[in-house]
């Protein structure tokens, strides 16, 4: 099974992708908040606050 890095995994599109492709791919998820459904998740806030 191939692994995909999915950014925005907690969002609407990320959720739809995970649900529809879960039998074909293993997802490594990146999101701005913790997700109960994902075992392989990296929580990060990516902000450019330089103004």
Protein backbone atom coordinates (compact mmCIF):
# COMPACT_ATOMS: atom_id res chain seq x y z
CA UNK A 1 0.00 0.00 0.00
CA UNK A 2 1.42 3.40 -0.96
CA UNK A 3 1.68 6.22 1.57
CA UNK A 4 0.42 9.74 0.87
CA UNK A 5 1.20 12.89 2.85
CA UNK A 6 -2.12 14.72 3.14
CA UNK A 7 -2.02 18.35 4.23
CA UNK A 8 -5.27 19.87 5.44
CA UNK A 9 -6.42 16.42 6.50
CA UNK A 10 -9.02 17.75 8.97
CA UNK A 11 -10.70 19.94 6.35
CA UNK A 12 -13.65 19.17 4.09
CA UNK A 13 -11.61 18.02 1.07
CA UNK A 14 -9.04 16.17 3.20
CA UNK A 15 -11.80 14.31 5.03
CA UNK A 16 -13.49 13.33 1.75
CA UNK A 17 -10.18 12.09 0.30
CA UNK A 18 -9.37 10.02 3.39
CA UNK A 19 -12.78 8.40 3.42
CA UNK A 20 -12.91 7.59 -0.28
CA UNK A 21 -9.30 6.38 -0.63
CA UNK A 22 -8.70 4.68 2.73
CA UNK A 23 -8.73 1.19 1.19
CA UNK A 24 -6.07 2.13 -1.38
CA UNK A 25 -3.58 4.35 0.48
CA UNK A 26 -2.05 4.85 3.90
CA UNK A 27 -2.25 8.52 4.89
CA UNK A 28 0.23 10.55 6.90
CA UNK A 29 -1.83 13.54 7.93
CA UNK A 30 -0.88 17.15 8.60
CA UNK A 31 -3.48 19.39 10.22
CA UNK A 32 -3.74 22.45 12.44
CA UNK A 33 -5.53 20.46 15.16
CA UNK A 34 -5.44 16.94 16.54
CA UNK A 35 -7.70 14.41 14.85
CA UNK A 36 -9.15 11.41 16.67
CA UNK A 37 -9.47 9.33 13.50
CA UNK A 38 -5.82 9.45 12.45
CA UNK A 39 -3.02 7.43 14.02
CA UNK A 40 -0.33 8.96 11.84
CA UNK A 41 -0.77 12.72 12.26
CA UNK A 42 1.52 15.69 12.57
CA UNK A 43 -0.11 18.78 14.10
CA UNK A 44 1.36 22.06 12.85
CA UNK A 45 0.34 25.68 12.55
CA UNK A 46 2.01 27.23 9.55
CA UNK A 47 1.68 30.99 9.79
CA UNK A 48 3.63 33.76 8.14
CA UNK A 49 3.44 36.50 10.77
CA UNK A 50 6.02 38.78 9.20
CA UNK A 51 3.25 41.22 8.32
